[in-house]
Amino acid sequence: MSRFVRWAAAVATAVLVAGCGGEPSGGDDGGGGKNRSDPPPGPAAVAGLPSSLTSQKPDWGRCKKTADSSAPGGAWECATLRVPLDWAKPGGATIGLALIRARATGHDRIGSLLFDFGGPGGSGLSMMPYYANSVPELRERYDLVSWDPRGVGASGGIRCRGDRDIQATETVDTTPDTPAEEKAYLQDATAFGKGCARNAGKLMAHVSTTDTARDMDLMRQVLGDRKMHYFGISYGTELGGVYAHLFPRNVGRLVLDAVVDPTADSVGHAENQARGFQRALDDYLKSTGQDPKQGSRRIADLLRRIDAKPLPTSSGRRLTQTLAITGIVLPLYSQTRWPTLTAALKAAEQGDGSRLLSLADDYNERDASGHYGTTTHAQRVISCLDDRQRPTLAETKRRLPEFEKISPVFGDFLGWDTAGWCHDWPVPGQYDTPKVSAPGAAPILLIGNTGDPATPYEGARRMADELGKGVGVELTWKGEGHGAYGNGSDCVDSTVNAYLLKGKVPKDGKVCS
């Protein structure tokens, strides 16, 4: 049971498409040159925090291998930042956040550029070295910095169940058709939440987007930056909006790419994704010469057959309906992967689920040994602490026809997801929608992609409206896939680079075709 806003597809796919290979960037050893000095003093102070936090000096050193990534080597340095466990008690217990950086390679350094790759639950330690290969212009002028947010990876990463249990629950029907299946679905949701609570302990109630936004501002000060320069992708755009709301006067140059709609509650978000993925599927079907309605009907029929009788695979595991949907979703994040979807669907129509299962395993971070990553665990823990809504079974059933009308392929899954995602969650949610209004903030660049499946492009305009007049500046790309920067548009890339490197703000509403 996993929502489709995921860091792995948002970033890893784009990096591989850019031809960066599978190795993190290295660079020189970080010695010599004026640009190699520590950032100058004088950042805006974080009010009300003890000096033990505001004056800390991260002990930067060579990065070590983590559970989810190898050591990047080269110019990459890692350190730990101490932050309050509970921001309401800044003088109380602290936790450590794992940071990674590579210092600017040129001499005309601007400052730090902080990256969040989305999820929530994406690991900056894992992704930053790979992503850096695709942004040489930014690396020349900025220290590229990322981190594992609280509850993620090397920052107290939360694991809610073990590998065997994860594989065992693949048989749980996430689009239940009978009372027995409904009961099993909700019982699994309850068990997952309890597993998270056992593992996370006190951290469970302190991994919200607001908590992480406050961590970012302390990070800004400790790094020595007067203003926050930031690049947020997918969920990272929501995080950036919340940061701007909390600290509008500290906003420097913020880029939000693949923008989450801040006006949508959890149900509205699921509807948006149903609409976005169906739109992307329609575009894929058109590219193969198929009528979108007929093609969607064929895929929906295939999924119903798989629901009734899961397909065999070469691995010995069975391809369930949920795994099949997940396998269809992954290639829609990037147009370059559409041919793999064609091959996987053809094989499934012929009774072989191996290709779709392989795609689903990539999405779920399952390796050849059967070990699963924990991005979806952190994603759920964070979003269920953010989201206040807890739709009941009856409410969900009433909404299902509308979901199925929006998308005959994805609607049923995403409709049911609203009932199970935060069902019986151990801690209450904090809000229906995030506050992102940021009066007085510097202009923030928002990028919407008309073919984005996971964060439909309408979200960029809504974010701009919520940030406020003169703050949100919208850039639209008429493209395909999740995100826009680095995905093949010289217009998008040059506009973003001019903003980040020269402070040149484009005209609101600019369109790149």
Protein backbone atom coordinates (compact mmCIF):
# COMPACT_ATOMS: atom_id res chain seq x y z
CA MET A 1 0.00 0.00 0.00
CA SER A 2 2.06 2.87 -1.28
CA ARG A 3 1.22 6.26 -2.65
CA PHE A 4 2.75 7.28 -5.93
CA VAL A 5 4.72 10.38 -4.88
CA ARG A 6 8.14 8.80 -4.70
CA TRP A 7 11.65 10.17 -4.67
CA ALA A 8 13.22 7.17 -6.42
CA ALA A 9 11.32 7.58 -9.66
CA ALA A 10 11.42 11.35 -9.48
CA VAL A 11 15.18 11.60 -9.37
CA ALA A 12 16.97 8.32 -9.97
CA THR A 13 15.25 7.78 -13.29
CA ALA A 14 16.11 11.28 -14.47
CA VAL A 15 19.75 10.88 -13.49
CA LEU A 16 20.10 7.58 -15.36
CA VAL A 17 18.41 9.08 -18.40
CA ALA A 18 20.89 11.96 -18.36
CA GLY A 19 23.63 9.40 -18.96
CA CYS A 20 25.42 9.79 -15.65
CA GLY A 21 25.82 6.07 -15.25
CA GLY A 22 25.54 4.31 -11.94
CA GLU A 23 28.42 5.95 -10.09
CA PRO A 24 28.27 8.97 -7.81
CA SER A 25 30.29 11.99 -8.82
CA GLY A 26 33.67 12.39 -7.21
CA GLY A 27 35.64 15.45 -8.19
CA ASP A 28 38.83 16.60 -6.54
CA ASP A 29 39.79 16.04 -2.94
CA GLY A 30 38.52 19.40 -1.77
CA GLY A 31 41.89 20.99 -1.11
CA GLY A 32 43.11 24.47 -1.99
CA GLY A 33 41.46 27.53 -3.50
CA LYS A 34 39.54 30.41 -2.00
CA ASN A 35 36.24 28.68 -2.81
CA ARG A 36 37.23 25.86 -0.45
CA SER A 37 37.07 28.00 2.66
CA ASP A 38 34.24 27.59 5.12
CA PRO A 39 31.20 29.83 4.53
CA PRO A 40 31.61 33.37 5.87
CA PRO A 41 30.01 34.18 9.23
CA GLY A 42 26.93 36.29 9.67
CA PRO A 43 23.83 34.13 9.00
CA ALA A 44 20.48 35.26 10.26
CA ALA A 45 20.02 33.89 13.78
CA VAL A 46 17.43 31.28 14.75
CA ALA A 47 15.58 32.81 17.67
CA GLY A 48 15.06 30.98 20.96
CA LEU A 49 17.59 28.21 20.46
CA PRO A 50 20.40 27.36 22.86
CA SER A 51 23.90 28.22 21.73
CA SER A 52 24.80 24.53 21.89
CA LEU A 53 22.71 24.18 18.72
CA THR A 54 23.27 27.49 16.95
CA SER A 55 27.03 27.53 17.44
CA GLN A 56 27.69 23.88 16.61
CA LYS A 57 30.43 23.19 14.08
CA PRO A 58 29.75 20.05 12.03
CA ASP A 59 32.73 17.71 11.98
CA TRP A 60 32.92 17.19 8.23
CA GLY A 61 34.74 14.05 7.17
CA ARG A 62 34.72 11.28 4.61
CA CYS A 63 31.32 9.72 4.09
CA LYS A 64 30.81 6.16 5.25
CA LYS A 65 28.70 3.43 3.73
CA THR A 66 25.12 3.36 4.99
CA ALA A 67 22.51 0.61 4.99
CA ASP A 68 21.07 1.97 1.74
CA SER A 69 24.06 3.43 -0.11
CA SER A 70 27.77 3.02 -0.69
CA ALA A 71 30.30 5.65 0.33
CA PRO A 72 30.58 8.23 -2.48
CA GLY A 73 34.24 9.15 -1.93
CA GLY A 74 35.89 11.98 -3.83
CA ALA A 75 34.96 15.47 -2.72
CA TRP A 76 31.91 14.38 -0.72
CA GLU A 77 31.92 15.08 3.00
CA CYS A 78 29.46 13.99 5.67
CA ALA A 79 28.63 15.29 9.13
CA THR A 80 25.94 15.16 11.80
CA LEU A 81 23.75 18.12 12.78
CA ARG A 82 22.08 18.11 16.20
CA VAL A 83 18.47 19.34 16.21
CA PRO A 84 15.76 19.32 18.90
CA LEU A 85 13.67 16.17 19.04
CA ASP A 86 10.70 18.37 19.89
CA TRP A 87 10.80 21.88 18.47
CA ALA A 88 8.39 22.98 21.21
CA LYS A 89 11.21 22.16 23.66
CA PRO A 90 14.37 23.41 21.91
CA GLY A 91 16.46 23.04 25.05
CA GLY A 92 15.47 19.40 25.54
CA ALA A 93 16.58 16.14 23.95
CA THR A 94 18.25 16.26 20.54
CA ILE A 95 18.58 13.92 17.58
CA GLY A 96 21.22 13.73 14.88
CA LEU A 97 20.63 14.45 11.19
CA ALA A 98 23.05 13.03 8.63
CA LEU A 99 24.33 15.68 6.18
CA ILE A 100 26.30 15.39 2.94
CA ARG A 101 27.99 18.10 0.88
CA ALA A 102 30.43 18.80 -1.91
CA ARG A 103 31.95 22.27 -1.87
CA ALA A 104 31.70 24.58 -4.86
CA THR A 105 34.26 23.79 -7.56
CA GLY A 106 34.62 27.40 -8.79
CA HIS A 107 35.93 30.55 -7.16
CA ASP A 108 32.77 32.70 -7.34
CA ARG A 109 30.86 30.84 -4.65
CA ILE A 110 27.28 31.93 -3.87
CA GLY A 111 26.65 29.77 -0.79
CA SER A 112 24.98 26.45 0.02
CA LEU A 113 22.22 24.98 -2.17
CA LEU A 114 20.12 22.57 -0.16
CA PHE A 115 18.33 19.72 -1.98
CA ASP A 116 15.33 17.63 -0.97
CA PHE A 117 14.50 14.90 -3.46
CA GLY A 118 10.96 14.20 -2.35
CA GLY A 119 9.03 11.26 -1.00
CA PRO A 120 8.60 12.08 1.78
CA GLY A 121 11.19 9.57 2.85
CA GLY A 122 13.86 10.06 0.19
CA SER A 123 17.47 9.87 1.31
CA GLY A 124 19.60 12.86 0.39
CA LEU A 125 22.76 10.95 1.34
CA SER A 126 21.95 8.34 -1.29
CA MET A 127 20.80 10.66 -4.06
CA MET A 128 22.93 13.80 -3.82
CA PRO A 129 26.18 12.32 -5.21
CA TYR A 130 24.33 10.84 -8.21
CA TYR A 131 22.22 13.91 -8.92
CA ALA A 132 25.26 16.19 -8.76
CA ASN A 133 26.50 14.69 -12.04
CA SER A 134 23.60 16.35 -13.87
CA VAL A 135 24.07 19.87 -12.43
CA PRO A 136 27.70 20.90 -13.11
CA GLU A 137 26.75 24.58 -13.49
CA LEU A 138 25.21 24.63 -10.02
CA ARG A 139 28.08 22.72 -8.48
CA GLU A 140 30.54 25.32 -9.70
CA ARG A 141 28.86 28.15 -7.77
CA TYR A 142 27.24 26.39 -4.82
CA ASP A 143 28.16 23.94 -2.12
CA LEU A 144 25.68 21.15 -2.94
CA VAL A 145 24.13 19.98 0.33
CA SER A 146 21.51 17.40 1.21
CA TRP A 147 20.53 15.31 4.20
CA ASP A 148 18.44 12.44 5.45
CA PRO A 149 15.46 14.12 7.12
CA ARG A 150 14.39 12.95 10.57
CA GLY A 151 13.04 9.41 10.43
CA VAL A 152 14.80 8.70 7.13
CA GLY A 153 17.86 6.56 6.38
CA ALA A 154 20.86 7.55 8.50
CA SER A 155 18.79 10.05 10.54
CA GLY A 156 16.99 7.56 12.75
CA GLY A 157 15.43 5.78 9.78
CA ILE A 158 12.15 4.13 10.71
CA ARG A 159 11.51 0.54 9.61
CA CYS A 160 7.95 -0.61 10.24
CA ARG A 161 8.27 -4.29 9.30
CA GLY A 162 10.90 -6.75 8.18
CA ASP A 163 11.56 -8.12 4.72
CA ARG A 164 9.69 -11.40 5.23
CA ASP A 165 6.63 -9.60 6.53
CA ILE A 166 6.70 -7.15 3.63
CA GLN A 167 6.76 -9.97 1.10
CA ALA A 168 4.07 -11.88 2.98
CA THR A 169 1.71 -8.89 2.83
CA GLU A 170 2.01 -8.71 -0.96
CA THR A 171 -1.01 -11.00 -0.98
CA VAL A 172 -3.20 -8.45 0.84
CA ASP A 173 -5.76 -7.11 -1.64
CA THR A 174 -5.53 -3.32 -1.64
CA THR A 175 -8.73 -3.03 -3.68
CA PRO A 176 -10.90 -5.33 -1.56
CA ASP A 177 -14.00 -6.87 -3.13
CA THR A 178 -15.47 -8.74 -0.14
CA PRO A 179 -16.00 -8.03 3.58
CA ALA A 180 -13.23 -10.52 4.37
CA GLU A 181 -10.79 -8.70 2.08
CA GLU A 182 -11.81 -5.34 3.56
CA LYS A 183 -11.12 -6.66 7.06
CA ALA A 184 -7.72 -8.03 6.06
CA TYR A 185 -6.82 -4.75 4.34
CA LEU A 186 -7.57 -2.61 7.39
CA GLN A 187 -5.98 -5.10 9.79
CA ASP A 188 -2.78 -4.90 7.76
CA ALA A 189 -2.89 -1.09 7.95
CA THR A 190 -3.26 -1.26 11.75
CA ALA A 191 -0.38 -3.73 12.04
CA PHE A 192 1.86 -1.53 9.90
CA GLY A 193 1.20 1.51 12.07
CA LYS A 194 1.92 -0.44 15.24
CA GLY A 195 5.19 -1.65 13.76
CA CYS A 196 6.19 1.92 12.97
CA ALA A 197 5.39 3.04 16.53
CA ARG A 198 7.42 0.20 18.06
CA ASN A 199 10.45 1.06 15.98
CA ALA A 200 10.23 4.86 16.11
CA GLY A 201 9.40 5.41 19.78
CA LYS A 202 9.28 9.11 20.69
CA LEU A 203 10.41 10.09 17.18
CA MET A 204 7.05 8.93 15.76
CA ALA A 205 5.37 12.21 16.79
CA HIS A 206 8.22 14.45 15.63
CA VAL A 207 8.83 13.73 11.93
CA SER A 208 6.35 16.19 10.42
CA THR A 209 7.04 18.45 7.48
CA THR A 210 6.96 21.40 9.87
CA ASP A 211 9.63 19.74 12.06
CA THR A 212 11.84 19.25 9.03
CA ALA A 213 11.33 22.82 7.81
CA ARG A 214 12.57 24.06 11.20
CA ASP A 215 15.54 21.70 10.93
CA MET A 216 16.34 23.33 7.59
CA ASP A 217 16.57 26.79 9.07
CA LEU A 218 18.95 25.65 11.79
CA MET A 219 20.93 23.91 9.05
CA ARG A 220 21.07 27.18 7.12
CA GLN A 221 22.53 29.00 10.10
CA VAL A 222 25.06 26.30 10.96
CA LEU A 223 26.20 26.17 7.33
CA GLY A 224 26.82 29.92 7.52
CA ASP A 225 24.22 31.14 5.03
CA ARG A 226 22.28 34.36 5.58
CA LYS A 227 19.59 33.21 3.15
CA MET A 228 18.19 29.78 2.31
CA HIS A 229 18.94 28.64 -1.23
CA TYR A 230 16.97 25.48 -1.91
CA PHE A 231 15.93 23.04 -4.65
CA GLY A 232 12.89 20.92 -3.77
CA ILE A 233 11.50 18.16 -5.99
CA SER A 234 8.04 16.58 -5.68
CA TYR A 235 7.26 16.38 -1.92
CA GLY A 236 10.29 18.65 -1.53
CA THR A 237 8.12 21.42 -3.00
CA GLU A 238 5.64 21.09 -0.13
CA LEU A 239 8.55 21.19 2.30
CA GLY A 240 9.87 24.30 0.56
CA GLY A 241 6.46 25.98 0.77
CA VAL A 242 6.19 25.23 4.48
CA TYR A 243 9.70 26.59 5.02
CA ALA A 244 8.81 29.81 3.18
CA HIS A 245 5.69 30.19 5.35
CA LEU A 246 7.66 29.77 8.57
CA PHE A 247 10.72 31.81 7.55
CA PRO A 248 9.72 34.19 4.72
CA ARG A 249 12.50 36.68 5.50
CA ASN A 250 15.13 33.96 5.21
CA VAL A 251 14.10 32.90 1.69
CA GLY A 252 16.87 33.33 -0.86
CA ARG A 253 16.59 31.49 -4.18
CA LEU A 254 14.07 28.64 -3.96
CA VAL A 255 13.22 26.34 -6.87
CA LEU A 256 10.22 24.02 -6.49
CA ASP A 257 10.01 21.44 -9.31
CA ALA A 258 7.07 19.00 -9.74
CA VAL A 259 4.90 21.00 -7.38
CA VAL A 260 2.51 19.38 -4.91
CA ASP A 261 -0.90 21.09 -4.75
CA PRO A 262 -0.98 22.72 -1.27
CA THR A 263 -4.75 23.23 -1.42
CA ALA A 264 -5.51 19.49 -1.68
CA ASP A 265 -6.24 17.45 1.44
CA SER A 266 -5.33 13.76 1.50
CA VAL A 267 -8.40 12.76 -0.52
CA GLY A 268 -7.90 15.61 -2.98
CA HIS A 269 -4.26 14.59 -3.34
CA ALA A 270 -5.30 11.03 -4.23
CA GLU A 271 -7.77 12.42 -6.79
CA ASN A 272 -5.04 14.60 -8.26
CA GLN A 273 -2.76 11.60 -8.64
CA ALA A 274 -5.50 9.51 -10.23
CA ARG A 275 -6.00 12.32 -12.73
CA GLY A 276 -2.26 12.78 -13.31
CA PHE A 277 -1.42 9.13 -13.82
CA GLN A 278 -4.40 8.60 -16.10
CA ARG A 279 -3.33 11.62 -18.14
CA ALA A 280 0.20 10.22 -18.44
CA LEU A 281 -1.15 6.78 -19.37
CA ASP A 282 -3.33 8.36 -22.06
CA ASP A 283 -0.27 10.12 -23.49
CA TYR A 284 1.64 6.83 -23.44
CA LEU A 285 -1.18 5.01 -25.21
CA LYS A 286 -1.41 7.73 -27.87
CA SER A 287 2.34 7.39 -28.46
CA THR A 288 1.81 3.71 -29.33
CA GLY A 289 -1.02 4.49 -31.72
CA GLN A 290 -3.77 3.29 -29.39
CA ASP A 291 -7.03 4.99 -28.50
CA PRO A 292 -6.64 6.03 -24.83
CA LYS A 293 -10.12 4.90 -23.81
CA GLN A 294 -9.80 1.51 -25.45
CA GLY A 295 -6.25 1.04 -24.21
CA SER A 296 -7.23 1.96 -20.64
CA ARG A 297 -10.16 -0.44 -20.81
CA ARG A 298 -7.84 -3.23 -21.92
CA ILE A 299 -5.41 -2.55 -19.07
CA ALA A 300 -8.24 -2.32 -16.53
CA ASP A 301 -9.55 -5.69 -17.75
CA LEU A 302 -6.05 -7.16 -17.39
CA LEU A 303 -5.83 -5.87 -13.81
CA ARG A 304 -9.21 -7.41 -12.97
CA ARG A 305 -8.04 -10.77 -14.29
CA ILE A 306 -4.85 -10.52 -12.25
CA ASP A 307 -6.92 -9.62 -9.17
CA ALA A 308 -8.88 -12.84 -9.62
CA LYS A 309 -5.83 -14.94 -10.50
CA PRO A 310 -2.32 -13.54 -9.91
CA LEU A 311 0.17 -14.23 -12.69
CA PRO A 312 3.17 -16.58 -12.39
CA THR A 313 6.67 -15.10 -12.73
CA SER A 314 10.14 -16.47 -13.37
CA SER A 315 11.05 -15.76 -9.73
CA GLY A 316 8.41 -18.10 -8.35
CA ARG A 317 6.51 -15.19 -6.77
CA ARG A 318 3.07 -14.24 -8.02
CA LEU A 319 2.20 -10.91 -9.62
CA THR A 320 -0.77 -9.56 -7.69
CA GLN A 321 -3.01 -6.74 -8.85
CA THR A 322 -1.26 -4.27 -6.52
CA LEU A 323 2.18 -5.25 -7.81
CA ALA A 324 0.91 -5.01 -11.38
CA ILE A 325 -0.39 -1.48 -10.84
CA THR A 326 2.92 -0.53 -9.23
CA GLY A 327 4.78 -1.96 -12.22
CA ILE A 328 2.65 0.13 -14.58
CA VAL A 329 3.20 3.28 -12.55
CA LEU A 330 7.01 3.30 -12.55
CA PRO A 331 7.59 3.75 -16.33
CA LEU A 332 5.09 6.61 -16.41
CA TYR A 333 7.52 8.74 -14.39
CA SER A 334 9.82 9.06 -17.42
CA GLN A 335 8.98 8.98 -21.13
CA THR A 336 12.24 7.15 -21.85
CA ARG A 337 10.87 4.15 -19.96
CA TRP A 338 7.65 3.86 -21.93
CA PRO A 339 9.06 1.03 -24.12
CA THR A 340 9.62 -1.07 -20.98
CA LEU A 341 5.94 -0.62 -20.15
CA THR A 342 4.96 -1.84 -23.62
CA ALA A 343 7.05 -4.98 -23.20
CA ALA A 344 5.78 -5.63 -19.65
CA LEU A 345 2.13 -5.27 -20.62
CA LYS A 346 2.58 -7.53 -23.65
CA ALA A 347 4.15 -10.22 -21.47
CA ALA A 348 1.38 -9.91 -18.87
CA GLU A 349 -1.30 -10.24 -21.56
CA GLN A 350 0.41 -13.49 -22.52
CA GLY A 351 0.30 -14.74 -18.93
CA ASP A 352 3.83 -13.86 -17.74
CA GLY A 353 4.03 -11.34 -14.88
CA SER A 354 7.84 -11.29 -14.64
CA ARG A 355 8.44 -7.92 -16.30
CA LEU A 356 5.77 -6.06 -14.34
CA LEU A 357 7.03 -7.67 -11.12
CA SER A 358 10.57 -6.50 -11.88
CA LEU A 359 9.31 -2.94 -12.36
CA ALA A 360 7.31 -3.14 -9.12
CA ASP A 361 10.38 -4.40 -7.26
CA ASP A 362 12.40 -1.44 -8.57
CA TYR A 363 9.71 0.90 -7.31
CA ASN A 364 9.54 -0.84 -3.93
CA GLU A 365 13.36 -0.89 -3.57
CA ARG A 366 13.50 -4.68 -3.43
CA ASP A 367 16.91 -6.08 -4.32
CA ALA A 368 17.83 -9.53 -5.62
CA SER A 369 18.30 -10.88 -2.09
CA GLY A 370 14.75 -9.93 -1.09
CA HIS A 371 15.73 -6.90 1.00
CA TYR A 372 13.38 -3.92 0.80
CA GLY A 373 14.25 -0.28 1.28
CA THR A 374 12.37 1.84 3.80
CA THR A 375 11.40 4.88 1.75
CA THR A 376 7.73 3.91 1.84
CA HIS A 377 7.92 3.39 5.61
CA ALA A 378 9.21 6.89 6.25
CA GLN A 379 6.82 8.25 3.62
CA ARG A 380 3.83 6.89 5.49
CA VAL A 381 5.04 7.89 8.95
CA ILE A 382 5.67 11.48 7.82
CA SER A 383 2.52 11.94 5.75
CA CYS A 384 0.24 10.42 8.40
CA LEU A 385 1.68 12.81 10.98
CA ASP A 386 1.00 15.68 8.57
CA ASP A 387 -2.46 14.61 7.33
CA ARG A 388 -5.36 15.01 9.72
CA GLN A 389 -7.92 13.21 7.55
CA ARG A 390 -8.78 9.61 8.37
CA PRO A 391 -11.50 8.58 5.85
CA THR A 392 -13.73 5.77 7.08
CA LEU A 393 -14.56 2.65 5.12
CA ALA A 394 -18.07 3.95 4.42
CA GLU A 395 -16.78 7.34 3.25
CA THR A 396 -14.27 5.65 0.97
CA LYS A 397 -16.89 3.41 -0.61
CA ARG A 398 -19.08 6.40 -1.38
CA ARG A 399 -16.17 8.10 -3.16
CA LEU A 400 -15.04 5.09 -5.22
CA PRO A 401 -17.32 5.78 -8.22
CA GLU A 402 -15.82 9.25 -8.55
CA PHE A 403 -12.28 7.86 -8.39
CA GLU A 404 -13.12 5.25 -11.03
CA LYS A 405 -14.61 7.98 -13.22
CA ILE A 406 -11.39 9.98 -12.96
CA SER A 407 -9.26 6.95 -13.83
CA PRO A 408 -10.48 3.49 -14.89
CA VAL A 409 -6.96 2.14 -14.29
CA PHE A 410 -5.71 3.86 -11.12
CA GLY A 411 -8.89 5.20 -9.52
CA ASP A 412 -9.89 2.08 -7.59
CA PHE A 413 -6.43 1.68 -6.07
CA LEU A 414 -6.02 5.32 -5.09
CA GLY A 415 -9.58 5.52 -3.79
CA TRP A 416 -9.08 2.58 -1.46
CA ASP A 417 -5.69 3.96 -0.47
CA THR A 418 -7.41 6.88 1.27
CA ALA A 419 -9.02 4.41 3.69
CA GLY A 420 -5.97 2.30 4.43
CA TRP A 421 -3.03 4.69 4.31
CA CYS A 422 -3.46 6.23 7.78
CA HIS A 423 -6.10 3.87 9.17
CA ASP A 424 -5.92 3.46 12.97
CA TRP A 425 -2.68 5.45 13.01
CA PRO A 426 -0.97 5.65 16.44
CA VAL A 427 -0.54 9.45 16.38
CA PRO A 428 -2.97 12.16 15.20
CA GLY A 429 -2.37 14.24 12.08
CA GLN A 430 -1.63 17.95 12.27
CA TYR A 431 -3.54 19.65 9.43
CA ASP A 432 -5.85 19.19 6.45
CA THR A 433 -3.62 21.18 4.12
CA PRO A 434 -0.19 22.76 4.74
CA LYS A 435 0.21 26.49 5.31
CA VAL A 436 2.47 27.95 2.63
CA SER A 437 1.57 31.64 2.44
CA ALA A 438 4.81 33.61 2.57
CA PRO A 439 4.21 37.37 2.49
CA GLY A 440 7.45 39.30 2.24
CA ALA A 441 9.46 36.37 0.84
CA ALA A 442 11.71 36.78 -2.18
CA PRO A 443 10.35 35.39 -5.49
CA ILE A 444 10.16 31.59 -5.53
CA LEU A 445 10.39 29.74 -8.87
CA LEU A 446 7.74 27.03 -9.37
CA ILE A 447 7.97 24.55 -12.26
CA GLY A 448 4.94 22.64 -13.52
CA ASN A 449 5.10 19.92 -16.19
CA THR A 450 1.89 19.39 -18.18
CA GLY A 451 2.59 15.65 -18.44
CA ASP A 452 3.60 15.07 -14.83
CA PRO A 453 1.82 11.96 -13.50
CA ALA A 454 2.55 12.22 -9.78
CA THR A 455 2.21 15.97 -9.24
CA PRO A 456 -0.16 17.30 -11.94
CA TYR A 457 0.91 20.66 -13.32
CA GLU A 458 -2.12 22.49 -11.89
CA GLY A 459 -0.37 22.26 -8.51
CA ALA A 460 2.22 24.85 -9.56
CA ARG A 461 -0.40 27.53 -10.14
CA ARG A 462 -2.13 26.72 -6.88
CA MET A 463 1.15 26.88 -5.00
CA ALA A 464 1.86 30.26 -6.61
CA ASP A 465 -1.54 31.56 -5.52
CA GLU A 466 -1.06 30.28 -1.96
CA LEU A 467 2.45 31.71 -1.59
CA GLY A 468 1.04 35.13 -2.39
CA LYS A 469 1.28 37.90 -4.94
CA GLY A 470 4.81 38.63 -6.03
CA VAL A 471 6.20 35.51 -4.35
CA GLY A 472 5.24 32.49 -6.46
CA VAL A 473 6.55 32.67 -10.05
CA GLU A 474 5.25 29.92 -12.33
CA LEU A 475 7.22 28.29 -15.15
CA THR A 476 5.38 25.68 -17.27
CA TRP A 477 6.99 22.97 -19.38
CA LYS A 478 4.90 21.14 -21.96
CA GLY A 479 6.65 17.84 -21.42
CA GLU A 480 6.28 14.34 -20.02
CA GLY A 481 7.46 12.65 -16.86
CA HIS A 482 7.85 13.65 -13.23
CA GLY A 483 9.67 16.96 -12.91
CA ALA A 484 11.11 19.28 -15.53
CA TYR A 485 14.64 20.47 -14.71
CA GLY A 486 17.24 18.22 -16.31
CA ASN A 487 14.63 16.32 -18.33
CA GLY A 488 15.61 17.58 -21.77
CA SER A 489 14.32 21.14 -22.02
CA ASP A 490 17.03 23.73 -22.66
CA CYS A 491 14.41 26.40 -21.99
CA VAL A 492 13.65 25.06 -18.51
CA ASP A 493 17.28 24.42 -17.62
CA SER A 494 18.52 27.84 -18.74
CA THR A 495 15.67 29.61 -16.93
CA VAL A 496 16.38 27.78 -13.68
CA ASN A 497 20.13 28.30 -13.97
CA ALA A 498 19.68 32.03 -14.63
CA TYR A 499 17.53 32.26 -11.50
CA LEU A 500 19.86 30.27 -9.24
CA LEU A 501 23.15 31.59 -10.59
CA LYS A 502 22.30 35.19 -11.50
CA GLY A 503 19.15 35.89 -9.49
CA LYS A 504 17.21 36.52 -12.73
CA VAL A 505 13.50 36.00 -12.05
CA PRO A 506 11.51 35.00 -15.16
CA LYS A 507 8.13 36.47 -16.02
CA ASP A 508 5.34 34.74 -14.15
CA GLY A 509 3.55 32.36 -16.51
CA LYS A 510 6.49 31.68 -18.84
CA VAL A 511 5.94 28.55 -20.96
CA CYS A 512 8.63 26.22 -22.32
CA SER A 513 7.41 23.92 -25.10
